[in-house]
Amino acid sequence: MNEPSIFGLDDNPALVLTVEARAHGWRIDHYLSRLYPNFSRVAFQRTIEEGKVLVNGLPVKISRRLRVNDVIEFSLPAEPDQRVQPEDIPLDILYDDEYLCVINKTANMIVHPGRGNYRGTLAGALQFHFDSLSDVAGQYRAGIVHRLDRDTSGVLVVAKDNTVHQHLSRQFEERSVEKEYHAIVWGEMQFDADYVETYVRVSFRNRERMMVCPPGDNARQAATFYEVQQRFRGFTYVKLQPQTGRTHQLRVHMHHLGHPIIADRLYEGKTCVKLSDILPDTAEEADETLIDRQALHARRLAFNHPVTKKRMVFEAPLPADFQKTLDTLKTHAIKPKKSTSSKLR
């Protein structure tokens, strides 16, 4: 994909890009919301209806299907003038230079404000710790190139200017970023490794959840490779490598396979895992909570530095609650290693 160029001197400059072959036939609102995932599809639809999106020099309708080499001129959806208030929240910074930084996000931290959660966010912490952040994704998402769910911990990259942000976003879009997650799931997975490919969309019953569905309409392809790290009685420790970046993708895929991530309130229903879940005979007075959020950790992230072009690899150690749960399984629920043929489907 050609790199978007910026021109104009106003607060919401125009962007110009050329449609690549992979996007042939996509609706324009779908395409723009995929390129700039920090803006909703609805926000782009509003921008299109306002005549602020041109294709080959002409205004278009929301239903316009794109063709290879179409030239799109557009402005990003307007954001509220109010900026995120800086908050003195400690950050675990894995790397920092003048162009970007890499954070080890803690669990129970929302990445950017929304749905009544305006305090205690990563966005507020970034405003406090850094003088310069990209704003191509809007003031509420300054610096934020991608996101992790509130209770998912681990590696996250932040851009300090718009050019860097666009380079990083393009790497995510082109799937050249390597992402590795670790998770503990319920049950003993049958295969050592598997490739899971489905379509997903927002659930009909619960708008906060995603669901596996047939292709078509608003469904989006989702692909994940997993590899078992260790099996225990009633649990599996697994490495997950998402090939796409759909909302809740790993949580949805594990649930779809019948092995939901432990303590995942939204997809599994159980809010925590206790010692008694591993050792059923544990006395009540000796019982304790091991983890009270989904056991999902973004362990590793690799990408090309937008300026130096050097391949950079970052790893975040397992957080204390995840490690405690894993250690408890290794102590009390160990199973002999059994090799099972992989199944790729």
Protein backbone atom coordinates (compact mmCIF):
# COMPACT_ATOMS: atom_id res chain seq x y z
CA MET A 1 0.00 0.00 0.00
CA ASN A 2 1.26 3.47 -0.83
CA GLU A 3 2.07 5.55 2.18
CA PRO A 4 -0.53 8.27 2.92
CA SER A 5 0.82 11.78 2.46
CA ILE A 6 -0.30 14.78 4.50
CA PHE A 7 -0.85 18.26 3.18
CA GLY A 8 -2.53 21.40 4.49
CA LEU A 9 -1.91 23.41 7.61
CA ASP A 10 -5.25 23.22 9.43
CA ASP A 11 -6.02 21.17 12.52
CA ASN A 12 -7.54 18.32 10.50
CA PRO A 13 -5.34 18.03 7.39
CA ALA A 14 -6.35 16.13 4.27
CA LEU A 15 -4.85 12.72 3.59
CA VAL A 16 -4.24 11.15 0.20
CA LEU A 17 -3.72 7.45 -0.48
CA THR A 18 -3.93 5.00 -3.36
CA VAL A 19 -5.94 1.79 -3.02
CA GLU A 20 -3.85 -1.38 -3.16
CA ALA A 21 -4.88 -4.60 -4.91
CA ARG A 22 -5.88 -6.41 -1.70
CA ALA A 23 -8.63 -3.87 -1.05
CA HIS A 24 -10.27 -4.20 -4.49
CA GLY A 25 -14.03 -4.49 -4.03
CA TRP A 26 -14.13 -3.27 -0.43
CA ARG A 27 -16.60 -0.63 0.66
CA ILE A 28 -14.87 2.66 1.29
CA ASP A 29 -16.10 2.99 4.91
CA HIS A 30 -14.79 -0.53 5.64
CA TYR A 31 -11.45 0.26 4.06
CA LEU A 32 -10.87 3.51 5.95
CA SER A 33 -11.91 2.05 9.31
CA ARG A 34 -9.44 -0.81 8.78
CA LEU A 35 -6.62 1.58 7.93
CA TYR A 36 -7.41 3.75 10.95
CA PRO A 37 -8.86 1.33 13.54
CA ASN A 38 -8.90 3.97 16.29
CA PHE A 39 -11.81 5.58 14.45
CA SER A 40 -15.11 3.77 14.19
CA ARG A 41 -16.74 2.80 10.93
CA VAL A 42 -19.72 4.96 11.89
CA ALA A 43 -17.42 7.98 12.26
CA PHE A 44 -16.07 7.44 8.75
CA GLN A 45 -19.59 7.00 7.39
CA ARG A 46 -20.51 10.38 8.85
CA THR A 47 -17.43 11.93 7.23
CA ILE A 48 -18.37 10.41 3.87
CA GLU A 49 -21.95 11.72 4.16
CA GLU A 50 -20.55 15.19 4.85
CA GLY A 51 -18.75 15.10 1.49
CA LYS A 52 -15.31 15.09 3.05
CA VAL A 53 -14.16 11.96 1.23
CA LEU A 54 -13.30 12.10 -2.46
CA VAL A 55 -12.43 9.21 -4.74
CA ASN A 56 -10.64 10.23 -7.93
CA GLY A 57 -11.65 13.82 -7.18
CA LEU A 58 -15.39 13.17 -6.72
CA PRO A 59 -17.53 12.80 -3.57
CA VAL A 60 -18.85 9.28 -3.01
CA LYS A 61 -21.56 7.37 -1.21
CA ILE A 62 -20.94 5.06 1.75
CA SER A 63 -21.68 2.06 -0.46
CA ARG A 64 -18.93 2.94 -2.98
CA ARG A 65 -16.81 -0.11 -3.81
CA LEU A 66 -13.12 0.57 -4.34
CA ARG A 67 -10.98 -0.37 -7.32
CA VAL A 68 -7.23 -0.84 -7.55
CA ASN A 69 -5.39 2.49 -7.86
CA ASP A 70 -8.37 4.60 -6.83
CA VAL A 71 -7.05 7.79 -5.24
CA ILE A 72 -8.80 8.71 -1.99
CA GLU A 73 -8.64 12.21 -0.48
CA PHE A 74 -10.16 12.54 2.96
CA SER A 75 -9.96 14.06 6.41
CA LEU A 76 -10.05 11.98 9.55
CA PRO A 77 -13.31 12.24 11.52
CA ALA A 78 -13.51 15.24 13.82
CA GLU A 79 -12.57 14.61 17.43
CA PRO A 80 -13.77 16.57 20.48
CA ASP A 81 -11.58 19.57 21.30
CA GLN A 82 -11.11 18.28 24.82
CA ARG A 83 -7.82 16.46 25.32
CA VAL A 84 -7.18 13.57 27.65
CA GLN A 85 -6.06 14.93 30.99
CA PRO A 86 -2.50 13.88 31.93
CA GLU A 87 -2.36 11.45 34.85
CA ASP A 88 0.70 10.53 36.89
CA ILE A 89 0.33 6.78 36.44
CA PRO A 90 3.54 4.69 36.52
CA LEU A 91 4.47 3.03 33.25
CA ASP A 92 6.72 0.04 32.65
CA ILE A 93 8.71 1.37 29.68
CA LEU A 94 10.60 -1.33 27.79
CA TYR A 95 12.11 1.02 25.17
CA ASP A 96 12.11 4.74 24.45
CA ASP A 97 13.65 6.93 21.74
CA GLU A 98 12.67 10.19 20.01
CA TYR A 99 10.32 8.40 17.61
CA LEU A 100 8.47 5.78 19.62
CA CYS A 101 8.28 3.94 22.91
CA VAL A 102 7.28 0.42 23.89
CA ILE A 103 5.20 -0.17 27.01
CA ASN A 104 4.51 -3.25 29.10
CA LYS A 105 0.86 -2.54 29.85
CA THR A 106 -0.51 -3.76 33.15
CA ALA A 107 -3.85 -5.53 33.48
CA ASN A 108 -6.89 -3.49 34.55
CA MET A 109 -5.82 -0.51 32.44
CA ILE A 110 -7.99 0.80 29.61
CA VAL A 111 -5.96 1.98 26.63
CA HIS A 112 -8.03 5.05 25.75
CA PRO A 113 -11.12 6.77 27.23
CA GLY A 114 -14.60 5.61 26.32
CA ARG A 115 -17.94 4.34 27.68
CA GLY A 116 -17.69 6.37 30.86
CA ASN A 117 -14.07 5.38 31.57
CA TYR A 118 -12.15 8.63 31.38
CA ARG A 119 -9.64 8.23 34.20
CA GLY A 120 -6.85 5.76 34.79
CA THR A 121 -6.22 5.16 31.09
CA LEU A 122 -2.99 4.50 29.24
CA ALA A 123 -3.77 7.58 27.12
CA GLY A 124 -3.75 9.76 30.26
CA ALA A 125 -0.50 8.23 31.46
CA LEU A 126 1.14 8.84 28.07
CA GLN A 127 0.10 12.51 28.15
CA PHE A 128 1.86 12.85 31.51
CA HIS A 129 5.08 11.02 30.62
CA PHE A 130 5.77 12.25 27.07
CA ASP A 131 5.98 15.74 25.58
CA SER A 132 5.25 14.63 22.03
CA LEU A 133 2.74 12.04 20.76
CA SER A 134 1.15 11.40 17.38
CA ASP A 135 -2.37 12.76 16.96
CA VAL A 136 -3.33 11.21 13.63
CA ALA A 137 -5.77 8.93 15.51
CA GLY A 138 -7.32 11.82 17.47
CA GLN A 139 -6.57 13.54 20.75
CA TYR A 140 -8.27 10.84 22.83
CA ARG A 141 -5.92 8.27 21.29
CA ALA A 142 -2.72 10.30 21.03
CA GLY A 143 0.24 8.03 20.35
CA ILE A 144 -1.82 4.85 20.36
CA VAL A 145 -1.16 2.71 17.29
CA HIS A 146 -2.92 -0.47 18.48
CA ARG A 147 -4.67 -1.58 21.63
CA LEU A 148 -4.95 -4.37 24.16
CA ASP A 149 -8.12 -5.24 26.04
CA ARG A 150 -8.45 -3.77 29.51
CA ASP A 151 -7.44 -6.94 31.35
CA THR A 152 -4.88 -8.12 28.81
CA SER A 153 -1.32 -7.28 29.81
CA GLY A 154 1.84 -6.98 27.76
CA VAL A 155 3.75 -5.28 24.96
CA LEU A 156 2.28 -2.23 23.21
CA VAL A 157 4.02 0.28 20.90
CA VAL A 158 3.36 4.04 21.02
CA ALA A 159 4.17 6.58 18.26
CA LYS A 160 5.54 10.04 19.02
CA ASP A 161 4.76 11.69 15.67
CA ASN A 162 2.31 11.18 12.82
CA THR A 163 4.81 9.90 10.27
CA VAL A 164 5.99 7.19 12.66
CA HIS A 165 2.37 6.37 13.50
CA GLN A 166 1.52 5.91 9.81
CA HIS A 167 4.54 3.68 9.20
CA LEU A 168 3.65 1.48 12.19
CA SER A 169 -0.03 1.34 11.22
CA ARG A 170 0.93 0.21 7.74
CA GLN A 171 3.02 -2.62 9.18
CA PHE A 172 0.03 -3.79 11.23
CA GLU A 173 -2.20 -3.50 8.15
CA GLU A 174 0.25 -5.45 6.00
CA ARG A 175 0.67 -8.05 8.78
CA SER A 176 4.43 -7.67 8.94
CA VAL A 177 4.23 -7.13 12.71
CA GLU A 178 4.83 -10.35 14.65
CA LYS A 179 2.57 -10.72 17.68
CA GLU A 180 2.84 -13.47 20.25
CA TYR A 181 0.52 -13.95 23.21
CA HIS A 182 0.54 -16.46 26.03
CA ALA A 183 -2.63 -17.77 27.65
CA ILE A 184 -3.91 -20.38 30.07
CA VAL A 185 -7.12 -22.01 28.91
CA TRP A 186 -9.62 -24.43 30.40
CA GLY A 187 -9.36 -28.06 29.38
CA GLU A 188 -6.66 -30.17 27.79
CA MET A 189 -6.27 -29.21 24.13
CA GLN A 190 -6.14 -32.19 21.81
CA PHE A 191 -3.58 -31.02 19.28
CA ASP A 192 -0.05 -29.71 19.75
CA ALA A 193 -0.66 -26.96 17.20
CA ASP A 194 -3.42 -25.72 14.93
CA TYR A 195 -4.33 -22.91 12.58
CA VAL A 196 -7.79 -21.51 13.23
CA GLU A 197 -9.50 -19.45 10.55
CA THR A 198 -13.06 -18.17 10.95
CA TYR A 199 -15.21 -15.10 10.40
CA VAL A 200 -16.26 -12.96 13.36
CA ARG A 201 -18.75 -10.20 14.04
CA VAL A 202 -20.45 -8.47 16.96
CA SER A 203 -22.74 -10.85 18.84
CA PHE A 204 -26.47 -10.52 18.25
CA ARG A 205 -27.23 -11.15 21.93
CA ASN A 206 -24.50 -9.11 23.63
CA ARG A 207 -23.00 -6.11 21.82
CA GLU A 208 -19.91 -6.26 24.01
CA ARG A 209 -19.03 -9.73 22.72
CA MET A 210 -17.81 -10.98 19.37
CA MET A 211 -18.96 -14.24 17.82
CA VAL A 212 -17.85 -16.69 15.14
CA CYS A 213 -20.20 -16.50 12.15
CA PRO A 214 -20.55 -17.32 8.43
CA PRO A 215 -18.90 -14.97 5.90
CA GLY A 216 -20.84 -11.99 4.55
CA ASP A 217 -22.46 -8.79 5.80
CA ASN A 218 -20.30 -7.32 8.58
CA ALA A 219 -18.27 -10.48 9.17
CA ARG A 220 -14.49 -10.15 9.10
CA GLN A 221 -11.93 -12.88 8.59
CA ALA A 222 -9.92 -13.85 11.68
CA ALA A 223 -6.93 -16.19 11.74
CA THR A 224 -4.88 -17.49 14.68
CA PHE A 225 -2.06 -20.00 15.01
CA TYR A 226 -1.67 -21.69 18.38
CA GLU A 227 0.95 -23.98 19.86
CA VAL A 228 0.63 -25.85 23.14
CA GLN A 229 3.40 -25.07 25.61
CA GLN A 230 2.35 -27.46 28.39
CA ARG A 231 -0.66 -29.52 29.38
CA PHE A 232 -1.99 -29.89 32.92
CA ARG A 233 -4.92 -31.70 34.47
CA GLY A 234 -7.86 -29.63 33.30
CA PHE A 235 -5.79 -26.77 31.83
CA THR A 236 -3.46 -25.94 28.93
CA TYR A 237 -0.73 -23.33 28.67
CA VAL A 238 -0.69 -22.11 25.06
CA LYS A 239 1.14 -19.69 22.77
CA LEU A 240 -1.09 -17.72 20.39
CA GLN A 241 0.00 -15.89 17.24
CA PRO A 242 -2.81 -13.83 15.70
CA GLN A 243 -2.47 -13.39 11.94
CA THR A 244 -5.22 -10.75 11.92
CA GLY A 245 -6.17 -8.15 14.50
CA ARG A 246 -9.88 -8.47 15.16
CA THR A 247 -11.55 -7.32 18.36
CA HIS A 248 -11.29 -10.02 21.07
CA GLN A 249 -9.94 -12.39 18.40
CA LEU A 250 -7.91 -14.69 20.64
CA ARG A 251 -10.60 -14.82 23.31
CA VAL A 252 -13.25 -15.63 20.70
CA HIS A 253 -11.16 -18.32 19.01
CA MET A 254 -10.30 -20.09 22.24
CA HIS A 255 -13.97 -20.01 23.26
CA HIS A 256 -14.92 -21.31 19.81
CA LEU A 257 -12.53 -24.26 20.23
CA GLY A 258 -14.15 -25.14 23.54
CA HIS A 259 -11.15 -23.99 25.57
CA PRO A 260 -11.95 -20.48 26.81
CA ILE A 261 -9.23 -18.47 28.49
CA ILE A 262 -9.48 -18.88 32.26
CA ALA A 263 -11.10 -16.08 34.28
CA ASP A 264 -12.46 -14.43 31.14
CA ARG A 265 -15.64 -12.82 32.46
CA LEU A 266 -17.05 -12.03 29.04
CA TYR A 267 -16.48 -15.31 27.23
CA GLU A 268 -16.19 -17.88 29.97
CA GLY A 269 -18.33 -16.47 32.77
CA LYS A 270 -16.07 -17.38 35.69
CA THR A 271 -14.52 -14.26 37.20
CA CYS A 272 -11.46 -15.85 38.79
CA VAL A 273 -9.47 -19.03 39.25
CA LYS A 274 -8.78 -20.22 42.77
CA LEU A 275 -6.45 -22.82 44.20
CA SER A 276 -9.49 -25.05 44.73
CA ASP A 277 -10.11 -25.05 40.94
CA ILE A 278 -6.77 -26.82 40.58
CA LEU A 279 -6.86 -28.76 43.87
CA PRO A 280 -10.54 -29.62 44.53
CA ASP A 281 -9.76 -30.92 48.04
CA THR A 282 -8.35 -27.57 49.19
CA ALA A 283 -9.74 -26.58 52.60
CA GLU A 284 -11.82 -23.42 52.60
CA GLU A 285 -9.45 -21.60 54.95
CA ALA A 286 -6.49 -22.44 52.68
CA ASP A 287 -8.16 -21.43 49.44
CA GLU A 288 -6.95 -18.34 47.58
CA THR A 289 -7.55 -16.48 44.33
CA LEU A 290 -4.74 -17.02 41.85
CA ILE A 291 -5.94 -14.75 39.03
CA ASP A 292 -9.03 -12.57 38.67
CA ARG A 293 -8.76 -11.45 35.05
CA GLN A 294 -8.37 -13.28 31.75
CA ALA A 295 -5.02 -15.07 31.66
CA LEU A 296 -3.90 -13.46 28.40
CA HIS A 297 -0.55 -11.71 28.02
CA ALA A 298 1.01 -10.03 24.96
CA ARG A 299 4.42 -11.62 25.43
CA ARG A 300 6.29 -10.54 22.30
CA LEU A 301 6.08 -7.86 19.60
CA ALA A 302 8.40 -7.48 16.59
CA PHE A 303 8.35 -4.74 13.94
CA ASN A 304 10.65 -2.64 11.76
CA HIS A 305 11.68 0.68 13.27
CA PRO A 306 10.01 3.33 11.04
CA VAL A 307 13.17 5.45 10.89
CA THR A 308 16.18 3.14 11.27
CA LYS A 309 14.42 0.21 9.49
CA LYS A 310 16.04 -2.14 12.00
CA ARG A 311 13.97 -5.14 13.06
CA MET A 312 13.11 -4.67 16.72
CA VAL A 313 11.88 -7.38 19.07
CA PHE A 314 10.41 -6.74 22.52
CA GLU A 315 9.31 -9.16 25.21
CA ALA A 316 7.39 -8.56 28.43
CA PRO A 317 7.78 -11.06 31.30
CA LEU A 318 4.70 -12.85 32.56
CA PRO A 319 2.95 -10.73 35.20
CA ALA A 320 2.80 -11.94 38.80
CA ASP A 321 -0.77 -13.29 38.75
CA PHE A 322 -0.22 -15.20 35.51
CA GLN A 323 3.09 -16.61 36.74
CA LYS A 324 1.57 -17.62 40.09
CA THR A 325 -1.21 -19.51 38.34
CA LEU A 326 1.26 -21.23 36.05
CA ASP A 327 3.56 -22.16 38.93
CA THR A 328 0.61 -23.60 40.85
CA LEU A 329 -0.35 -25.74 37.86
CA LYS A 330 3.24 -26.95 37.52
CA THR A 331 3.30 -27.88 41.20
CA HIS A 332 -0.08 -29.53 41.56
CA ALA A 333 -1.44 -30.45 38.11
CA ILE A 334 1.53 -31.59 36.05
CA LYS A 335 0.94 -34.24 33.38
CA PRO A 336 3.45 -36.39 31.52
CA LYS A 337 4.29 -34.79 28.18
CA LYS A 338 2.35 -36.47 25.40
CA SER A 339 3.01 -35.73 21.77
CA THR A 340 -0.11 -35.35 19.65
CA SER A 341 -0.11 -34.75 15.92
CA SER A 342 -0.86 -31.22 14.88
CA LYS A 343 -4.07 -30.52 13.03
CA LEU A 344 -4.10 -27.54 10.69
CA ARG A 345 -7.45 -26.59 9.26
